[in-house]
């Protein structure tokens, strides 16, 4: 089949659109899956550390302002931030490819 110049450009743009949609869909699926796994891991960590210590017992590390139960929440928050930074770097790397 012979194409005119306009038809050829139109076909090229159509195929480029299909390729971009496929790529965006793949990135969206990876990010959604990663977000789901992260959410489950976050709930698991919170569940693990929420009842880890006896109430009323303070730690020996000078954290007398915070109760003994907050250690798990602080650890969860730190892990969440680190995981968020890692995911941001992965997304930027995928976008730059």
PDB file of N, CA and C in Angstrom:
ATOM      1  N   UNK A   1       0.839  -1.160   0.000  1.00  0.00           N
ATOM      2  CA  UNK A   1       0.000   0.000   0.000  1.00  0.00           C
ATOM      3  C   UNK A   1       0.894   1.236   0.000  1.00  0.00           C
ATOM      4  N   UNK A   2       0.610   2.154  -0.845  1.00  0.00           N
ATOM      5  CA  UNK A   2       1.387   3.396  -0.914  1.00  0.00           C
ATOM      6  C   UNK A   2       0.732   4.444  -0.039  1.00  0.00           C
ATOM      7  N   UNK A   3       1.577   5.180   0.638  1.00  0.00           N
ATOM      8  CA  UNK A   3       1.105   6.256   1.487  1.00  0.00           C
ATOM      9  C   UNK A   3       1.527   7.586   0.889  1.00  0.00           C
ATOM     10  N   UNK A   4       0.683   8.572   1.064  1.00  0.00           N
ATOM     11  CA  UNK A   4       1.118   9.937   0.778  1.00  0.00           C
ATOM     12  C   UNK A   4       1.895  10.408   2.003  1.00  0.00           C
ATOM     13  N   UNK A   5       2.525  11.545   1.879  1.00  0.00           N
ATOM     14  CA  UNK A   5       3.318  12.061   2.993  1.00  0.00           C
ATOM     15  C   UNK A   5       2.440  12.319   4.213  1.00  0.00           C
ATOM     16  N   UNK A   6       1.278  12.888   4.004  1.00  0.00           N
ATOM     17  CA  UNK A   6       0.376  13.181   5.122  1.00  0.00           C
ATOM     18  C   UNK A   6      -0.104  11.891   5.774  1.00  0.00           C
ATOM     19  N   UNK A   7      -0.449  10.900   4.973  1.00  0.00           N
ATOM     20  CA  UNK A   7      -0.905   9.631   5.522  1.00  0.00           C
ATOM     21  C   UNK A   7       0.212   8.918   6.275  1.00  0.00           C
ATOM     22  N   UNK A   8       1.434   9.001   5.760  1.00  0.00           N
ATOM     23  CA  UNK A   8       2.571   8.376   6.431  1.00  0.00           C
ATOM     24  C   UNK A   8       2.825   9.033   7.783  1.00  0.00           C
ATOM     25  N   UNK A   9       2.790  10.356   7.848  1.00  0.00           N
ATOM     26  CA  UNK A   9       2.990  11.060   9.118  1.00  0.00           C
ATOM     27  C   UNK A   9       1.869  10.746  10.098  1.00  0.00           C
ATOM     28  N   UNK A  10       0.653  10.659   9.575  1.00  0.00           N
ATOM     29  CA  UNK A  10      -0.486  10.326  10.421  1.00  0.00           C
ATOM     30  C   UNK A  10      -0.320   8.930  11.014  1.00  0.00           C
ATOM     31  N   UNK A  11       0.126   7.969  10.213  1.00  0.00           N
ATOM     32  CA  UNK A  11       0.348   6.603  10.679  1.00  0.00           C
ATOM     33  C   UNK A  11       1.484   6.539  11.699  1.00  0.00           C
ATOM     34  N   UNK A  12       2.536   7.296  11.461  1.00  0.00           N
ATOM     35  CA  UNK A  12       3.662   7.339  12.400  1.00  0.00           C
ATOM     36  C   UNK A  12       3.199   7.900  13.739  1.00  0.00           C
ATOM     37  N   UNK A  13       2.425   8.975  13.705  1.00  0.00           N
ATOM     38  CA  UNK A  13       1.916   9.567  14.945  1.00  0.00           C
ATOM     39  C   UNK A  13       0.962   8.614  15.667  1.00  0.00           C
ATOM     40  N   UNK A  14       0.157   7.894  14.928  1.00  0.00           N
ATOM     41  CA  UNK A  14      -0.761   6.940  15.541  1.00  0.00           C
ATOM     42  C   UNK A  14       0.010   5.831  16.246  1.00  0.00           C
ATOM     43  N   UNK A  15       1.026   5.293  15.571  1.00  0.00           N
ATOM     44  CA  UNK A  15       1.830   4.223  16.171  1.00  0.00           C
ATOM     45  C   UNK A  15       2.616   4.728  17.380  1.00  0.00           C
ATOM     46  N   UNK A  16       3.116   5.947  17.300  1.00  0.00           N
ATOM     47  CA  UNK A  16       3.834   6.531  18.441  1.00  0.00           C
ATOM     48  C   UNK A  16       2.883   6.684  19.632  1.00  0.00           C
ATOM     49  N   UNK A  17       1.644   7.063  19.364  1.00  0.00           N
ATOM     50  CA  UNK A  17       0.654   7.173  20.435  1.00  0.00           C
ATOM     51  C   UNK A  17       0.376   5.837  21.090  1.00  0.00           C
ATOM     52  N   UNK A  18       0.285   4.789  20.287  1.00  0.00           N
ATOM     53  CA  UNK A  18       0.057   3.442  20.828  1.00  0.00           C
ATOM     54  C   UNK A  18       1.234   3.018  21.703  1.00  0.00           C
ATOM     55  N   UNK A  19       2.434   3.284  21.240  1.00  0.00           N
ATOM     56  CA  UNK A  19       3.630   2.920  22.007  1.00  0.00           C
ATOM     57  C   UNK A  19       3.671   3.693  23.325  1.00  0.00           C
ATOM     58  N   UNK A  20       3.364   4.991  23.293  1.00  0.00           N
ATOM     59  CA  UNK A  20       3.372   5.796  24.513  1.00  0.00           C
ATOM     60  C   UNK A  20       2.293   5.345  25.493  1.00  0.00           C
ATOM     61  N   UNK A  21       1.108   4.998  24.984  1.00  0.00           N
ATOM     62  CA  UNK A  21       0.044   4.500  25.859  1.00  0.00           C
ATOM     63  C   UNK A  21       0.463   3.202  26.540  1.00  0.00           C
ATOM     64  N   UNK A  22       1.080   2.311  25.787  1.00  0.00           N
ATOM     65  CA  UNK A  22       1.530   1.036  26.336  1.00  0.00           C
ATOM     66  C   UNK A  22       2.579   1.263  27.424  1.00  0.00           C
ATOM     67  N   UNK A  23       3.502   2.162  27.158  1.00  0.00           N
ATOM     68  CA  UNK A  23       4.561   2.464  28.130  1.00  0.00           C
ATOM     69  C   UNK A  23       3.976   3.079  29.400  1.00  0.00           C
ATOM     70  N   UNK A  24       3.084   4.038  29.238  1.00  0.00           N
ATOM     71  CA  UNK A  24       2.459   4.681  30.392  1.00  0.00           C
ATOM     72  C   UNK A  24       1.630   3.677  31.207  1.00  0.00           C
ATOM     73  N   UNK A  25       0.939   2.778  30.529  1.00  0.00           N
ATOM     74  CA  UNK A  25       0.147   1.760  31.214  1.00  0.00           C
ATOM     75  C   UNK A  25       1.048   0.832  32.017  1.00  0.00           C
ATOM     76  N   UNK A  26       2.185   0.469  31.450  1.00  0.00           N
ATOM     77  CA  UNK A  26       3.128  -0.405  32.144  1.00  0.00           C
ATOM     78  C   UNK A  26       3.686   0.296  33.386  1.00  0.00           C
ATOM     79  N   UNK A  27       4.064   1.559  33.256  1.00  0.00           N
ATOM     80  CA  UNK A  27       4.587   2.317  34.395  1.00  0.00           C
ATOM     81  C   UNK A  27       3.515   2.453  35.477  1.00  0.00           C
ATOM     82  N   UNK A  28       2.284   2.739  35.067  1.00  0.00           N
ATOM     83  CA  UNK A  28       1.193   2.871  36.026  1.00  0.00           C
ATOM     84  C   UNK A  28       0.956   1.562  36.764  1.00  0.00           C
ATOM     85  N   UNK A  29       0.993   0.452  36.066  1.00  0.00           N
ATOM     86  CA  UNK A  29       0.806  -0.856  36.710  1.00  0.00           C
ATOM     87  C   UNK A  29       1.919  -1.160  37.707  1.00  0.00           C
ATOM     88  N   UNK A  30       3.161  -0.853  37.345  1.00  0.00           N
ATOM     89  CA  UNK A  30       4.283  -1.095  38.250  1.00  0.00           C
ATOM     90  C   UNK A  30       4.146  -0.234  39.494  1.00  0.00           C
ATOM     91  N   UNK A  31       3.805   1.036  39.319  1.00  0.00           N
ATOM     92  CA  UNK A  31       3.680   1.933  40.471  1.00  0.00           C
ATOM     93  C   UNK A  31       2.501   1.555  41.355  1.00  0.00           C
ATOM     94  N   UNK A  32       1.393   1.148  40.759  1.00  0.00           N
ATOM     95  CA  UNK A  32       0.231   0.741  41.553  1.00  0.00           C
ATOM     96  C   UNK A  32       0.539  -0.528  42.349  1.00  0.00           C
ATOM     97  N   UNK A  33       1.212  -1.473  41.732  1.00  0.00           N
ATOM     98  CA  UNK A  33       1.592  -2.704  42.425  1.00  0.00           C
ATOM     99  C   UNK A  33       2.556  -2.407  43.562  1.00  0.00           C
ATOM    100  N   UNK A  34       3.536  -1.556  43.299  1.00  0.00           N
ATOM    101  CA  UNK A  34       4.500  -1.197  44.328  1.00  0.00           C
ATOM    102  C   UNK A  34       3.823  -0.465  45.481  1.00  0.00           C
ATOM    103  N   UNK A  35       2.891   0.426  45.175  1.00  0.00           N
ATOM    104  CA  UNK A  35       2.172   1.147  46.228  1.00  0.00           C
ATOM    105  C   UNK A  35       1.344   0.178  47.073  1.00  0.00           C
ATOM    106  N   UNK A  36       0.724  -0.794  46.438  1.00  0.00           N
ATOM    107  CA  UNK A  36      -0.050  -1.793  47.178  1.00  0.00           C
ATOM    108  C   UNK A  36       0.824  -2.632  48.089  1.00  0.00           C
ATOM    109  N   UNK A  37       1.956  -3.069  47.581  1.00  0.00           N
ATOM    110  CA  UNK A  37       2.879  -3.865  48.385  1.00  0.00           C
ATOM    111  C   UNK A  37       3.411  -3.037  49.549  1.00  0.00           C
ATOM    112  N   UNK A  38       3.712  -1.769  49.281  1.00  0.00           N
ATOM    113  CA  UNK A  38       4.197  -0.886  50.335  1.00  0.00           C
ATOM    114  C   UNK A  38       3.138  -0.685  51.412  1.00  0.00           C
ATOM    115  N   UNK A  39       1.887  -0.533  51.019  1.00  0.00           N
ATOM    116  CA  UNK A  39       0.806  -0.368  51.985  1.00  0.00           C
ATOM    117  C   UNK A  39       0.662  -1.600  52.867  1.00  0.00           C
ATOM    118  N   UNK A  40       0.702  -2.763  52.262  1.00  0.00           N
ATOM    119  CA  UNK A  40       0.607  -4.006  53.038  1.00  0.00           C
ATOM    120  C   UNK A  40       1.796  -4.134  53.988  1.00  0.00           C
ATOM    121  N   UNK A  41       2.997  -3.797  53.501  1.00  0.00           N
ATOM    122  CA  UNK A  41       4.186  -3.874  54.355  1.00  0.00           C
ATOM    123  C   UNK A  41       4.100  -2.874  55.504  1.00  0.00           C
ATOM    124  N   UNK A  42       3.576  -1.692  55.229  1.00  0.00           N
ATOM    125  CA  UNK A  42       3.432  -0.681  56.266  1.00  0.00           C
ATOM    126  C   UNK A  42       2.467  -1.144  57.346  1.00  0.00           C
ATOM    127  N   UNK A  43       1.332  -1.708  56.943  1.00  0.00           N
ATOM    128  CA  UNK A  43       0.387  -2.239  57.914  1.00  0.00           C
ATOM    129  C   UNK A  43       0.992  -3.396  58.710  1.00  0.00           C
ATOM    130  N   UNK A  44       1.781  -4.213  58.044  1.00  0.00           N
ATOM    131  CA  UNK A  44       2.413  -5.333  58.737  1.00  0.00           C
ATOM    132  C   UNK A  44       3.410  -4.837  59.775  1.00  0.00           C
ATOM    133  N   UNK A  45       4.183  -3.835  59.426  1.00  0.00           N
ATOM    134  CA  UNK A  45       5.160  -3.291  60.371  1.00  0.00           C
ATOM    135  C   UNK A  45       4.453  -2.624  61.546  1.00  0.00           C
ATOM    136  N   UNK A  46       3.409  -1.845  61.270  1.00  0.00           N
ATOM    137  CA  UNK A  46       2.662  -1.203  62.355  1.00  0.00           C
ATOM    138  C   UNK A  46       2.035  -2.263  63.258  1.00  0.00           C
ATOM    139  N   UNK A  47       1.460  -3.295  62.660  1.00  0.00           N
ATOM    140  CA  UNK A  47       0.865  -4.366  63.451  1.00  0.00           C
ATOM    141  C   UNK A  47       1.886  -5.111  64.293  1.00  0.00           C
ATOM    142  N   UNK A  48       3.071  -5.269  63.757  1.00  0.00           N
ATOM    143  CA  UNK A  48       4.122  -5.987  64.475  1.00  0.00           C
ATOM    144  C   UNK A  48       4.623  -5.195  65.682  1.00  0.00           C
ATOM    145  N   UNK A  49       4.776  -3.891  65.513  1.00  0.00           N
ATOM    146  CA  UNK A  49       5.370  -3.081  66.578  1.00  0.00           C
ATOM    147  C   UNK A  49       4.347  -2.407  67.490  1.00  0.00           C
ATOM    148  N   UNK A  50       3.089  -2.487  67.184  1.00  0.00           N
ATOM    149  CA  UNK A  50       2.114  -1.774  68.005  1.00  0.00           C
ATOM    150  C   UNK A  50       1.964  -2.372  69.396  1.00  0.00           C
ATOM    151  N   UNK A  51       2.102  -3.644  69.539  1.00  0.00           N
ATOM    152  CA  UNK A  51       1.972  -4.272  70.854  1.00  0.00           C
ATOM    153  C   UNK A  51       3.253  -4.912  71.315  1.00  0.00           C
ATOM    154  N   UNK A  52       4.386  -4.407  70.909  1.00  0.00           N
ATOM    155  CA  UNK A  52       5.654  -5.063  71.169  1.00  0.00           C
ATOM    156  C   UNK A  52       6.141  -4.893  72.603  1.00  0.00           C
ATOM    157  N   UNK A  53       5.779  -3.794  73.274  1.00  0.00           N
ATOM    158  CA  UNK A  53       6.320  -3.545  74.602  1.00  0.00           C
ATOM    159  C   UNK A  53       5.198  -3.439  75.624  1.00  0.00           C
ATOM    160  N   UNK A  54       5.535  -3.592  76.850  1.00  0.00           N
ATOM    161  CA  UNK A  54       4.569  -3.477  77.928  1.00  0.00           C
ATOM    162  C   UNK A  54       4.252  -2.013  78.187  1.00  0.00           C
ATOM    163  N   UNK A  55       3.000  -1.664  78.431  1.00  0.00           N
ATOM    164  CA  UNK A  55       2.670  -0.266  78.698  1.00  0.00           C
ATOM    165  C   UNK A  55       3.248   0.205  80.024  1.00  0.00           C
ATOM    166  N   UNK A  56       3.697   1.441  80.049  1.00  0.00           N
ATOM    167  CA  UNK A  56       4.214   2.030  81.268  1.00  0.00           C
ATOM    168  C   UNK A  56       5.698   1.838  81.483  1.00  0.00           C
ATOM    169  N   UNK A  57       6.350   1.054  80.662  1.00  0.00           N
ATOM    170  CA  UNK A  57       7.790   0.843  80.803  1.00  0.00           C
ATOM    171  C   UNK A  57       8.509   1.770  79.836  1.00  0.00           C
ATOM    172  N   UNK A  58       9.411   2.567  80.373  1.00  0.00           N
ATOM    173  CA  UNK A  58      10.155   3.498  79.530  1.00  0.00           C
ATOM    174  C   UNK A  58      11.464   2.860  79.104  1.00  0.00           C
ATOM    175  N   UNK A  59      11.959   3.347  77.967  1.00  0.00           N
ATOM    176  CA  UNK A  59      13.207   2.788  77.465  1.00  0.00           C
ATOM    177  C   UNK A  59      14.391   3.408  78.201  1.00  0.00           C
ATOM    178  N   UNK A  60      15.544   2.854  77.990  1.00  0.00           N
ATOM    179  CA  UNK A  60      16.756   3.316  78.666  1.00  0.00           C
ATOM    180  C   UNK A  60      17.573   4.263  77.809  1.00  0.00           C
ATOM    181  N   UNK A  61      17.050   4.688  76.675  1.00  0.00           N
ATOM    182  CA  UNK A  61      17.832   5.491  75.755  1.00  0.00           C
ATOM    183  C   UNK A  61      17.525   6.978  75.853  1.00  0.00           C
ATOM    184  N   UNK A  62      16.970   7.438  76.942  1.00  0.00           N
ATOM    185  CA  UNK A  62      16.745   8.850  77.136  1.00  0.00           C
ATOM    186  C   UNK A  62      15.500   9.378  76.463  1.00  0.00           C
ATOM    187  N   UNK A  63      14.650   8.521  75.993  1.00  0.00           N
ATOM    188  CA  UNK A  63      13.427   8.986  75.338  1.00  0.00           C
ATOM    189  C   UNK A  63      12.301   9.045  76.360  1.00  0.00           C
ATOM    190  N   UNK A  64      12.511   9.799  77.413  1.00  0.00           N
ATOM    191  CA  UNK A  64      11.526   9.862  78.489  1.00  0.00           C
ATOM    192  C   UNK A  64      10.314  10.701  78.099  1.00  0.00           C
ATOM    193  N   UNK A  65      10.418  11.516  77.061  1.00  0.00           N
ATOM    194  CA  UNK A  65       9.286  12.338  76.635  1.00  0.00           C
ATOM    195  C   UNK A  65       8.252  11.471  75.915  1.00  0.00           C
ATOM    196  N   UNK A  66       8.718  10.526  75.129  1.00  0.00           N
ATOM    197  CA  UNK A  66       7.838   9.640  74.373  1.00  0.00           C
ATOM    198  C   UNK A  66       7.557   8.380  75.183  1.00  0.00           C
ATOM    199  N   UNK A  67       6.383   7.831  74.973  1.00  0.00           N
ATOM    200  CA  UNK A  67       6.079   6.571  75.660  1.00  0.00           C
ATOM    201  C   UNK A  67       6.856   5.442  75.003  1.00  0.00           C
ATOM    202  N   UNK A  68       6.880   4.299  75.653  1.00  0.00           N
ATOM    203  CA  UNK A  68       7.637   3.160  75.139  1.00  0.00           C
ATOM    204  C   UNK A  68       7.009   2.574  73.883  1.00  0.00           C
ATOM    205  N   UNK A  69       5.728   2.831  73.669  1.00  0.00           N
ATOM    206  CA  UNK A  69       5.044   2.261  72.506  1.00  0.00           C
ATOM    207  C   UNK A  69       5.315   3.005  71.203  1.00  0.00           C
ATOM    208  N   UNK A  70       5.907   4.169  71.264  1.00  0.00           N
ATOM    209  CA  UNK A  70       6.072   4.966  70.036  1.00  0.00           C
ATOM    210  C   UNK A  70       7.249   4.525  69.194  1.00  0.00           C
ATOM    211  N   UNK A  71       8.103   3.669  69.698  1.00  0.00           N
ATOM    212  CA  UNK A  71       9.279   3.227  68.941  1.00  0.00           C
ATOM    213  C   UNK A  71       8.908   2.558  67.625  1.00  0.00           C
ATOM    214  N   UNK A  72       7.892   1.737  67.646  1.00  0.00           N
ATOM    215  CA  UNK A  72       7.451   1.057  66.424  1.00  0.00           C
ATOM    216  C   UNK A  72       6.911   2.033  65.398  1.00  0.00           C
ATOM    217  N   UNK A  73       6.192   3.058  65.865  1.00  0.00           N
ATOM    218  CA  UNK A  73       5.651   4.048  64.941  1.00  0.00           C
ATOM    219  C   UNK A  73       6.763   4.894  64.325  1.00  0.00           C
ATOM    220  N   UNK A  74       7.748   5.233  65.122  1.00  0.00           N
ATOM    221  CA  UNK A  74       8.874   6.009  64.599  1.00  0.00           C
ATOM    222  C   UNK A  74       9.639   5.181  63.574  1.00  0.00           C
ATOM    223  N   UNK A  75       9.874   3.921  63.891  1.00  0.00           N
ATOM    224  CA  UNK A  75      10.563   3.043  62.941  1.00  0.00           C
ATOM    225  C   UNK A  75       9.759   2.907  61.652  1.00  0.00           C
ATOM    226  N   UNK A  76       8.454   2.772  61.770  1.00  0.00           N
ATOM    227  CA  UNK A  76       7.595   2.667  60.594  1.00  0.00           C
ATOM    228  C   UNK A  76       7.668   3.937  59.748  1.00  0.00           C
ATOM    229  N   UNK A  77       7.662   5.080  60.408  1.00  0.00           N
ATOM    230  CA  UNK A  77       7.749   6.347  59.676  1.00  0.00           C
ATOM    231  C   UNK A  77       9.086   6.471  58.954  1.00  0.00           C
ATOM    232  N   UNK A  78      10.166   6.102  59.616  1.00  0.00           N
ATOM    233  CA  UNK A  78      11.485   6.175  58.987  1.00  0.00           C
ATOM    234  C   UNK A  78      11.567   5.226  57.799  1.00  0.00           C
ATOM    235  N   UNK A  79      11.064   4.011  57.976  1.00  0.00           N
ATOM    236  CA  UNK A  79      11.068   3.053  56.860  1.00  0.00           C
ATOM    237  C   UNK A  79      10.202   3.548  55.704  1.00  0.00           C
ATOM    238  N   UNK A  80       9.077   4.171  56.017  1.00  0.00           N
ATOM    239  CA  UNK A  80       8.216   4.722  54.977  1.00  0.00           C
ATOM    240  C   UNK A  80       8.910   5.820  54.178  1.00  0.00           C
ATOM    241  N   UNK A  81       9.625   6.688  54.871  1.00  0.00           N
ATOM    242  CA  UNK A  81      10.347   7.767  54.183  1.00  0.00           C
ATOM    243  C   UNK A  81      11.453   7.194  53.312  1.00  0.00           C
ATOM    244  N   UNK A  82      12.199   6.249  53.843  1.00  0.00           N
ATOM    245  CA  UNK A  82      13.282   5.638  53.057  1.00  0.00           C
ATOM    246  C   UNK A  82      12.720   4.924  51.835  1.00  0.00           C
ATOM    247  N   UNK A  83      11.628   4.203  52.009  1.00  0.00           N
ATOM    248  CA  UNK A  83      11.012   3.510  50.883  1.00  0.00           C
ATOM    249  C   UNK A  83      10.476   4.508  49.857  1.00  0.00           C
ATOM    250  N   UNK A  84       9.926   5.612  50.331  1.00  0.00           N
ATOM    251  CA  UNK A  84       9.445   6.653  49.420  1.00  0.00           C
ATOM    252  C   UNK A  84      10.574   7.263  48.598  1.00  0.00           C
ATOM    253  N   UNK A  85      11.708   7.498  49.230  1.00  0.00           N
ATOM    254  CA  UNK A  85      12.868   8.038  48.507  1.00  0.00           C
ATOM    255  C   UNK A  85      13.348   7.035  47.469  1.00  0.00           C
ATOM    256  N   UNK A  86      13.409   5.766  47.857  1.00  0.00           N
ATOM    257  CA  UNK A  86      13.844   4.729  46.904  1.00  0.00           C
ATOM    258  C   UNK A  86      12.893   4.641  45.718  1.00  0.00           C
ATOM    259  N   UNK A  87      11.590   4.686  45.978  1.00  0.00           N
ATOM    260  CA  UNK A  87      10.618   4.612  44.885  1.00  0.00           C
ATOM    261  C   UNK A  87      10.723   5.827  43.972  1.00  0.00           C
ATOM    262  N   UNK A  88      10.975   7.001  44.550  1.00  0.00           N
ATOM    263  CA  UNK A  88      11.145   8.203  43.739  1.00  0.00           C
ATOM    264  C   UNK A  88      12.345   8.055  42.810  1.00  0.00           C
ATOM    265  N   UNK A  89      13.427   7.525  43.325  1.00  0.00           N
ATOM    266  CA  UNK A  89      14.611   7.326  42.490  1.00  0.00           C
ATOM    267  C   UNK A  89      14.349   6.308  41.382  1.00  0.00           C
ATOM    268  N   UNK A  90      13.611   5.248  41.703  1.00  0.00           N
ATOM    269  CA  UNK A  90      13.285   4.240  40.688  1.00  0.00           C
ATOM    270  C   UNK A  90      12.406   4.842  39.597  1.00  0.00           C
ATOM    271  N   UNK A  91      11.409   5.629  40.000  1.00  0.00           N
ATOM    272  CA  UNK A  91      10.511   6.242  39.019  1.00  0.00           C
ATOM    273  C   UNK A  91      11.272   7.209  38.133  1.00  0.00           C
ATOM    274  N   UNK A  92      12.161   8.023  38.713  1.00  0.00           N
ATOM    275  CA  UNK A  92      12.958   8.952  37.903  1.00  0.00           C
ATOM    276  C   UNK A  92      13.848   8.190  36.924  1.00  0.00           C
ATOM    277  N   UNK A  93      14.405   7.079  37.381  1.00  0.00           N
ATOM    278  CA  UNK A  93      15.277   6.295  36.501  1.00  0.00           C
ATOM    279  C   UNK A  93      14.488   5.700  35.344  1.00  0.00           C
ATOM    280  N   UNK A  94      13.265   5.197  35.644  1.00  0.00           N
ATOM    281  CA  UNK A  94      12.423   4.631  34.589  1.00  0.00           C
ATOM    282  C   UNK A  94      12.018   5.729  33.607  1.00  0.00           C
ATOM    283  N   UNK A  95      11.694   6.899  34.119  1.00  0.00           N
ATOM    284  CA  UNK A  95      11.277   8.011  33.250  1.00  0.00           C
ATOM    285  C   UNK A  95      12.405   8.476  32.336  1.00  0.00           C
ATOM    286  N   UNK A  96      13.637   8.427  32.818  1.00  0.00           N
ATOM    287  CA  UNK A  96      14.773   8.899  32.022  1.00  0.00           C
ATOM    288  C   UNK A  96      15.186   7.910  30.934  1.00  0.00           C
ATOM    289  N   UNK A  97      14.741   6.668  31.031  1.00  0.00           N
ATOM    290  CA  UNK A  97      15.116   5.674  30.010  1.00  0.00           C
ATOM    291  C   UNK A  97      14.348   5.885  28.748  1.00  0.00           C
TER     292      UNK A  97
END
